[in-house]
PDB file of all heavy atoms in Angstrom:
ATOM      1  N   GLY A   1      79.288 101.089  96.769  1.00  0.00           N
ATOM      2  CA  GLY A   1      78.634 102.352  97.077  1.00  0.00           C
ATOM      3  C   GLY A   1      79.043 103.462  96.122  1.00  0.00           C
ATOM      4  O   GLY A   1      78.409 104.520  96.079  1.00  0.00           O
ATOM      5  N   ASP A   2      80.082 103.241  95.346  1.00  0.00           N
ATOM      6  CA  ASP A   2      80.565 104.187  94.344  1.00  0.00           C
ATOM      7  C   ASP A   2      80.261 103.589  92.970  1.00  0.00           C
ATOM      8  O   ASP A   2      80.980 102.707  92.494  1.00  0.00           O
ATOM      9  CB  ASP A   2      82.067 104.396  94.533  1.00  0.00           C
ATOM     10  CG  ASP A   2      82.660 105.430  93.582  1.00  0.00           C
ATOM     11  OD1 ASP A   2      82.102 105.625  92.491  1.00  0.00           O
ATOM     12  OD2 ASP A   2      83.706 106.010  93.926  1.00  0.00           O
ATOM     13  N   ALA A   3      79.188 104.039  92.345  1.00  0.00           N
ATOM     14  CA  ALA A   3      78.729 103.459  91.079  1.00  0.00           C
ATOM     15  C   ALA A   3      79.801 103.529  89.996  1.00  0.00           C
ATOM     16  O   ALA A   3      79.960 102.587  89.200  1.00  0.00           O
ATOM     17  CB  ALA A   3      77.465 104.160  90.613  1.00  0.00           C
ATOM     18  N   GLU A   4      80.537 104.615  89.959  1.00  0.00           N
ATOM     19  CA  GLU A   4      81.584 104.764  88.939  1.00  0.00           C
ATOM     20  C   GLU A   4      82.694 103.741  89.149  1.00  0.00           C
ATOM     21  O   GLU A   4      83.184 103.114  88.198  1.00  0.00           O
ATOM     22  CB  GLU A   4      82.163 106.179  88.987  1.00  0.00           C
ATOM     23  CG  GLU A   4      83.193 106.453  87.896  1.00  0.00           C
ATOM     24  CD  GLU A   4      83.697 107.892  87.902  1.00  0.00           C
ATOM     25  OE1 GLU A   4      83.110 108.728  88.625  1.00  0.00           O
ATOM     26  OE2 GLU A   4      84.692 108.157  87.196  1.00  0.00           O
ATOM     27  N   LEU A   5      83.088 103.539  90.413  1.00  0.00           N
ATOM     28  CA  LEU A   5      84.137 102.576  90.716  1.00  0.00           C
ATOM     29  C   LEU A   5      83.667 101.153  90.435  1.00  0.00           C
ATOM     30  O   LEU A   5      84.419 100.338  89.887  1.00  0.00           O
ATOM     31  CB  LEU A   5      84.562 102.702  92.177  1.00  0.00           C
ATOM     32  CG  LEU A   5      85.634 101.727  92.674  1.00  0.00           C
ATOM     33  CD1 LEU A   5      86.901 101.841  91.832  1.00  0.00           C
ATOM     34  CD2 LEU A   5      85.933 101.977  94.146  1.00  0.00           C
ATOM     35  N   ALA A   6      82.424 100.854  90.801  1.00  0.00           N
ATOM     36  CA  ALA A   6      81.884  99.513  90.542  1.00  0.00           C
ATOM     37  C   ALA A   6      81.865  99.221  89.047  1.00  0.00           C
ATOM     38  O   ALA A   6      82.199  98.111  88.609  1.00  0.00           O
ATOM     39  CB  ALA A   6      80.488  99.391  91.128  1.00  0.00           C
ATOM     40  N   ALA A   7      81.486 100.216  88.251  1.00  0.00           N
ATOM     41  CA  ALA A   7      81.464 100.042  86.794  1.00  0.00           C
ATOM     42  C   ALA A   7      82.875  99.867  86.238  1.00  0.00           C
ATOM     43  O   ALA A   7      83.104  99.068  85.323  1.00  0.00           O
ATOM     44  CB  ALA A   7      80.786 101.235  86.147  1.00  0.00           C
ATOM     45  N   LYS A   8      83.819 100.597  86.800  1.00  0.00           N
ATOM     46  CA  LYS A   8      85.216 100.477  86.367  1.00  0.00           C
ATOM     47  C   LYS A   8      85.748  99.076  86.648  1.00  0.00           C
ATOM     48  O   LYS A   8      86.432  98.478  85.814  1.00  0.00           O
ATOM     49  CB  LYS A   8      86.062 101.520  87.096  1.00  0.00           C
ATOM     50  CG  LYS A   8      87.540 101.481  86.730  1.00  0.00           C
ATOM     51  CD  LYS A   8      88.326 102.541  87.499  1.00  0.00           C
ATOM     52  CE  LYS A   8      89.814 102.465  87.177  1.00  0.00           C
ATOM     53  NZ  LYS A   8      90.590 103.481  87.951  1.00  0.00           N
ATOM     54  N   ASN A   9      85.403  98.546  87.816  1.00  0.00           N
ATOM     55  CA  ASN A   9      85.853  97.190  88.161  1.00  0.00           C
ATOM     56  C   ASN A   9      85.217  96.145  87.249  1.00  0.00           C
ATOM     57  O   ASN A   9      85.864  95.190  86.828  1.00  0.00           O
ATOM     58  CB  ASN A   9      85.513  96.884  89.622  1.00  0.00           C
ATOM     59  CG  ASN A   9      86.350  97.684  90.592  1.00  0.00           C
ATOM     60  OD1 ASN A   9      87.483  98.061  90.285  1.00  0.00           O
ATOM     61  ND2 ASN A   9      85.808  97.956  91.770  1.00  0.00           N
ATOM     62  N   ALA A  10      83.950  96.333  86.935  1.00  0.00           N
ATOM     63  CA  ALA A  10      83.260  95.410  86.033  1.00  0.00           C
ATOM     64  C   ALA A  10      83.911  95.424  84.652  1.00  0.00           C
ATOM     65  O   ALA A  10      84.084  94.371  84.022  1.00  0.00           O
ATOM     66  CB  ALA A  10      81.786  95.780  85.928  1.00  0.00           C
ATOM     67  N   ALA A  11      84.288  96.601  84.186  1.00  0.00           N
ATOM     68  CA  ALA A  11      84.915  96.730  82.868  1.00  0.00           C
ATOM     69  C   ALA A  11      86.296  96.083  82.833  1.00  0.00           C
ATOM     70  O   ALA A  11      86.774  95.677  81.762  1.00  0.00           O
ATOM     71  CB  ALA A  11      85.021  98.203  82.491  1.00  0.00           C
ATOM     72  N   GLN A  12      86.925  95.940  83.992  1.00  0.00           N
ATOM     73  CA  GLN A  12      88.258  95.341  84.061  1.00  0.00           C
ATOM     74  C   GLN A  12      88.213  93.817  83.882  1.00  0.00           C
ATOM     75  O   GLN A  12      89.213  93.196  83.521  1.00  0.00           O
ATOM     76  CB  GLN A  12      88.909  95.684  85.414  1.00  0.00           C
ATOM     77  CG  GLN A  12      90.247  95.024  85.676  1.00  0.00           C
ATOM     78  CD  GLN A  12      91.336  95.439  84.693  1.00  0.00           C
ATOM     79  OE1 GLN A  12      91.343  96.557  84.198  1.00  0.00           O
ATOM     80  NE2 GLN A  12      92.243  94.512  84.399  1.00  0.00           N
ATOM     81  N   THR A  13      87.054  93.218  84.097  1.00  0.00           N
ATOM     82  CA  THR A  13      86.949  91.767  83.955  1.00  0.00           C
ATOM     83  C   THR A  13      86.868  91.372  82.483  1.00  0.00           C
ATOM     84  O   THR A  13      86.549  92.191  81.617  1.00  0.00           O
ATOM     85  CB  THR A  13      85.698  91.225  84.667  1.00  0.00           C
ATOM     86  OG1 THR A  13      84.521  91.671  83.978  1.00  0.00           O
ATOM     87  CG2 THR A  13      85.627  91.694  86.113  1.00  0.00           C
ATOM     88  N   CYS A  14      87.132  90.108  82.208  1.00  0.00           N
ATOM     89  CA  CYS A  14      86.959  89.595  80.844  1.00  0.00           C
ATOM     90  C   CYS A  14      85.479  89.412  80.517  1.00  0.00           C
ATOM     91  O   CYS A  14      85.080  89.507  79.353  1.00  0.00           O
ATOM     92  CB  CYS A  14      87.680  88.253  80.695  1.00  0.00           C
ATOM     93  SG  CYS A  14      89.468  88.335  80.849  1.00  0.00           S
ATOM     94  N   ILE A  15      84.686  89.130  81.538  1.00  0.00           N
ATOM     95  CA  ILE A  15      83.257  88.879  81.333  1.00  0.00           C
ATOM     96  C   ILE A  15      82.475  90.173  81.157  1.00  0.00           C
ATOM     97  O   ILE A  15      81.494  90.224  80.409  1.00  0.00           O
ATOM     98  CB  ILE A  15      82.698  88.063  82.519  1.00  0.00           C
ATOM     99  CG1 ILE A  15      83.293  86.657  82.510  1.00  0.00           C
ATOM    100  CG2 ILE A  15      81.177  87.985  82.486  1.00  0.00           C
ATOM    101  CD1 ILE A  15      82.883  85.800  83.686  1.00  0.00           C
ATOM    102  N   GLY A  16      82.894  91.238  81.852  1.00  0.00           N
ATOM    103  CA  GLY A  16      82.231  92.522  81.718  1.00  0.00           C
ATOM    104  C   GLY A  16      81.227  92.833  82.815  1.00  0.00           C
ATOM    105  O   GLY A  16      80.399  93.722  82.661  1.00  0.00           O
ATOM    106  N   ARG A  17      81.304  92.115  83.923  1.00  0.00           N
ATOM    107  CA  ARG A  17      80.408  92.407  85.042  1.00  0.00           C
ATOM    108  C   ARG A  17      81.082  92.002  86.350  1.00  0.00           C
ATOM    109  O   ARG A  17      82.035  91.224  86.378  1.00  0.00           O
ATOM    110  CB  ARG A  17      79.084  91.657  84.911  1.00  0.00           C
ATOM    111  CG  ARG A  17      79.190  90.126  85.017  1.00  0.00           C
ATOM    112  CD  ARG A  17      77.816  89.471  85.090  1.00  0.00           C
ATOM    113  NE  ARG A  17      77.882  88.009  85.100  1.00  0.00           N
ATOM    114  CZ  ARG A  17      78.074  87.263  86.186  1.00  0.00           C
ATOM    115  NH1 ARG A  17      78.255  87.843  87.365  1.00  0.00           N
ATOM    116  NH2 ARG A  17      78.101  85.939  86.090  1.00  0.00           N
ATOM    117  N   ASN A  18      80.550  92.529  87.442  1.00  0.00           N
ATOM    118  CA  ASN A  18      80.993  92.107  88.764  1.00  0.00           C
ATOM    119  C   ASN A  18      80.269  90.819  89.146  1.00  0.00           C
ATOM    120  O   ASN A  18      79.334  90.390  88.473  1.00  0.00           O
ATOM    121  CB  ASN A  18      80.723  93.207  89.789  1.00  0.00           C
ATOM    122  CG  ASN A  18      81.617  94.416  89.577  1.00  0.00           C
ATOM    123  OD1 ASN A  18      82.833  94.284  89.425  1.00  0.00           O
ATOM    124  ND2 ASN A  18      81.029  95.603  89.561  1.00  0.00           N
ATOM    125  N   GLY A  19      80.699  90.203  90.238  1.00  0.00           N
ATOM    126  CA  GLY A  19      80.152  88.915  90.628  1.00  0.00           C
ATOM    127  C   GLY A  19      78.799  88.987  91.301  1.00  0.00           C
ATOM    128  O   GLY A  19      78.473  89.976  91.962  1.00  0.00           O
ATOM    129  N   ASP A  20      78.003  87.934  91.130  1.00  0.00           N
ATOM    130  CA  ASP A  20      76.791  87.699  91.913  1.00  0.00           C
ATOM    131  C   ASP A  20      77.115  86.606  92.921  1.00  0.00           C
ATOM    132  O   ASP A  20      77.969  85.745  92.664  1.00  0.00           O
ATOM    133  CB  ASP A  20      75.633  87.239  91.017  1.00  0.00           C
ATOM    134  CG  ASP A  20      75.205  88.328  90.043  1.00  0.00           C
ATOM    135  OD1 ASP A  20      75.232  89.512  90.435  1.00  0.00           O
ATOM    136  OD2 ASP A  20      74.869  87.994  88.890  1.00  0.00           O
ATOM    137  N   LEU A  21      76.424  86.604  94.046  1.00  0.00           N
ATOM    138  CA  LEU A  21      76.732  85.632  95.093  1.00  0.00           C
ATOM    139  C   LEU A  21      76.696  84.192  94.576  1.00  0.00           C
ATOM    140  O   LEU A  21      77.495  83.355  94.983  1.00  0.00           O
ATOM    141  CB  LEU A  21      75.770  85.797  96.273  1.00  0.00           C
ATOM    142  CG  LEU A  21      75.955  87.076  97.105  1.00  0.00           C
ATOM    143  CD1 LEU A  21      74.952  87.096  98.254  1.00  0.00           C
ATOM    144  CD2 LEU A  21      77.371  87.188  97.650  1.00  0.00           C
ATOM    145  N   GLN A  22      75.785  83.902  93.658  1.00  0.00           N
ATOM    146  CA  GLN A  22      75.672  82.524  93.159  1.00  0.00           C
ATOM    147  C   GLN A  22      76.918  82.097  92.377  1.00  0.00           C
ATOM    148  O   GLN A  22      77.183  80.899  92.218  1.00  0.00           O
ATOM    149  CB  GLN A  22      74.435  82.384  92.280  1.00  0.00           C
ATOM    150  CG  GLN A  22      74.482  83.195  90.992  1.00  0.00           C
ATOM    151  CD  GLN A  22      73.209  83.046  90.167  1.00  0.00           C
ATOM    152  OE1 GLN A  22      72.213  82.525  90.647  1.00  0.00           O
ATOM    153  NE2 GLN A  22      73.261  83.521  88.938  1.00  0.00           N
ATOM    154  N   ASP A  23      77.716  83.061  91.900  1.00  0.00           N
ATOM    155  CA  ASP A  23      78.902  82.721  91.121  1.00  0.00           C
ATOM    156  C   ASP A  23      79.973  82.010  91.949  1.00  0.00           C
ATOM    157  O   ASP A  23      80.823  81.316  91.400  1.00  0.00           O
ATOM    158  CB  ASP A  23      79.512  83.986  90.505  1.00  0.00           C
ATOM    159  CG  ASP A  23      78.631  84.620  89.444  1.00  0.00           C
ATOM    160  OD1 ASP A  23      77.981  83.864  88.708  1.00  0.00           O
ATOM    161  OD2 ASP A  23      78.597  85.857  89.350  1.00  0.00           O
ATOM    162  N   ILE A  24      79.929  82.191  93.272  1.00  0.00           N
ATOM    163  CA  ILE A  24      80.943  81.569  94.124  1.00  0.00           C
ATOM    164  C   ILE A  24      80.570  80.146  94.510  1.00  0.00           C
ATOM    165  O   ILE A  24      81.421  79.364  94.941  1.00  0.00           O
ATOM    166  CB  ILE A  24      81.160  82.422  95.398  1.00  0.00           C
ATOM    167  CG1 ILE A  24      82.523  82.112  96.047  1.00  0.00           C
ATOM    168  CG2 ILE A  24      80.042  82.205  96.417  1.00  0.00           C
ATOM    169  CD1 ILE A  24      83.701  82.676  95.331  1.00  0.00           C
ATOM    170  N   LEU A  25      79.292  79.785  94.339  1.00  0.00           N
ATOM    171  CA  LEU A  25      78.798  78.534  94.908  1.00  0.00           C
ATOM    172  C   LEU A  25      79.352  77.297  94.212  1.00  0.00           C
ATOM    173  O   LEU A  25      79.745  76.330  94.868  1.00  0.00           O
ATOM    174  CB  LEU A  25      77.270  78.511  94.890  1.00  0.00           C
ATOM    175  CG  LEU A  25      76.600  79.670  95.634  1.00  0.00           C
ATOM    176  CD1 LEU A  25      75.085  79.481  95.644  1.00  0.00           C
ATOM    177  CD2 LEU A  25      77.131  79.800  97.061  1.00  0.00           C
ATOM    178  N   GLY A  26      79.386  77.282  92.880  1.00  0.00           N
ATOM    179  CA  GLY A  26      79.914  76.126  92.152  1.00  0.00           C
ATOM    180  C   GLY A  26      81.357  75.837  92.522  1.00  0.00           C
ATOM    181  O   GLY A  26      81.705  74.700  92.888  1.00  0.00           O
ATOM    182  N   PRO A  27      82.250  76.834  92.436  1.00  0.00           N
ATOM    183  CA  PRO A  27      83.641  76.598  92.826  1.00  0.00           C
ATOM    184  C   PRO A  27      83.788  76.138  94.276  1.00  0.00           C
ATOM    185  O   PRO A  27      84.596  75.260  94.577  1.00  0.00           O
ATOM    186  CB  PRO A  27      84.306  77.963  92.601  1.00  0.00           C
ATOM    187  CG  PRO A  27      83.488  78.599  91.520  1.00  0.00           C
ATOM    188  CD  PRO A  27      82.081  78.165  91.811  1.00  0.00           C
ATOM    189  N   ALA A  28      82.993  76.736  95.179  1.00  0.00           N
ATOM    190  CA  ALA A  28      83.090  76.366  96.591  1.00  0.00           C
ATOM    191  C   ALA A  28      82.650  74.931  96.816  1.00  0.00           C
ATOM    192  O   ALA A  28      83.323  74.156  97.511  1.00  0.00           O
ATOM    193  CB  ALA A  28      82.258  77.319  97.440  1.00  0.00           C
ATOM    194  N   LEU A  29      81.522  74.540  96.232  1.00  0.00           N
ATOM    195  CA  LEU A  29      81.025  73.179  96.419  1.00  0.00           C
ATOM    196  C   LEU A  29      81.968  72.154  95.783  1.00  0.00           C
ATOM    197  O   LEU A  29      82.134  71.044  96.300  1.00  0.00           O
ATOM    198  CB  LEU A  29      79.615  73.050  95.855  1.00  0.00           C
ATOM    199  CG  LEU A  29      78.532  73.794  96.645  1.00  0.00           C
ATOM    200  CD1 LEU A  29      77.189  73.711  95.931  1.00  0.00           C
ATOM    201  CD2 LEU A  29      78.404  73.246  98.065  1.00  0.00           C
ATOM    202  N   PHE A  30      82.576  72.518  94.665  1.00  0.00           N
ATOM    203  CA  PHE A  30      83.568  71.633  94.058  1.00  0.00           C
ATOM    204  C   PHE A  30      84.707  71.353  95.033  1.00  0.00           C
ATOM    205  O   PHE A  30      85.103  70.199  95.260  1.00  0.00           O
ATOM    206  CB  PHE A  30      84.111  72.255  92.771  1.00  0.00           C
ATOM    207  CG  PHE A  30      85.396  71.649  92.283  1.00  0.00           C
ATOM    208  CD1 PHE A  30      85.435  70.335  91.822  1.00  0.00           C
ATOM    209  CD2 PHE A  30      86.577  72.380  92.293  1.00  0.00           C
ATOM    210  CE1 PHE A  30      86.636  69.770  91.379  1.00  0.00           C
ATOM    211  CE2 PHE A  30      87.772  71.824  91.856  1.00  0.00           C
ATOM    212  CZ  PHE A  30      87.795  70.512  91.392  1.00  0.00           C
ATOM    213  N   LEU A  31      85.241  72.409  95.647  1.00  0.00           N
ATOM    214  CA  LEU A  31      86.373  72.246  96.551  1.00  0.00           C
ATOM    215  C   LEU A  31      85.984  71.560  97.862  1.00  0.00           C
ATOM    216  O   LEU A  31      86.852  71.021  98.557  1.00  0.00           O
ATOM    217  CB  LEU A  31      87.016  73.603  96.846  1.00  0.00           C
ATOM    218  CG  LEU A  31      87.720  74.273  95.670  1.00  0.00           C
ATOM    219  CD1 LEU A  31      88.283  75.623  96.081  1.00  0.00           C
ATOM    220  CD2 LEU A  31      88.830  73.388  95.099  1.00  0.00           C
ATOM    221  N   CYS A  32      84.685  71.569  98.182  1.00  0.00           N
ATOM    222  CA  CYS A  32      84.207  70.908  99.399  1.00  0.00           C
ATOM    223  C   CYS A  32      83.850  69.447  99.177  1.00  0.00           C
ATOM    224  O   CYS A  32      83.593  68.715 100.140  1.00  0.00           O
ATOM    225  CB  CYS A  32      82.963  71.626  99.939  1.00  0.00           C
ATOM    226  SG  CYS A  32      83.276  73.232 100.699  1.00  0.00           S
TER     227      CYS A  32
END
């Protein structure tokens, strides 16, 4: 809800963006 904070968090990653829901699915299905 805070666009500035969301952008700051995205910049902190190595990839340069925040997560999308689909990003969790591969790791989760692997562990299942």
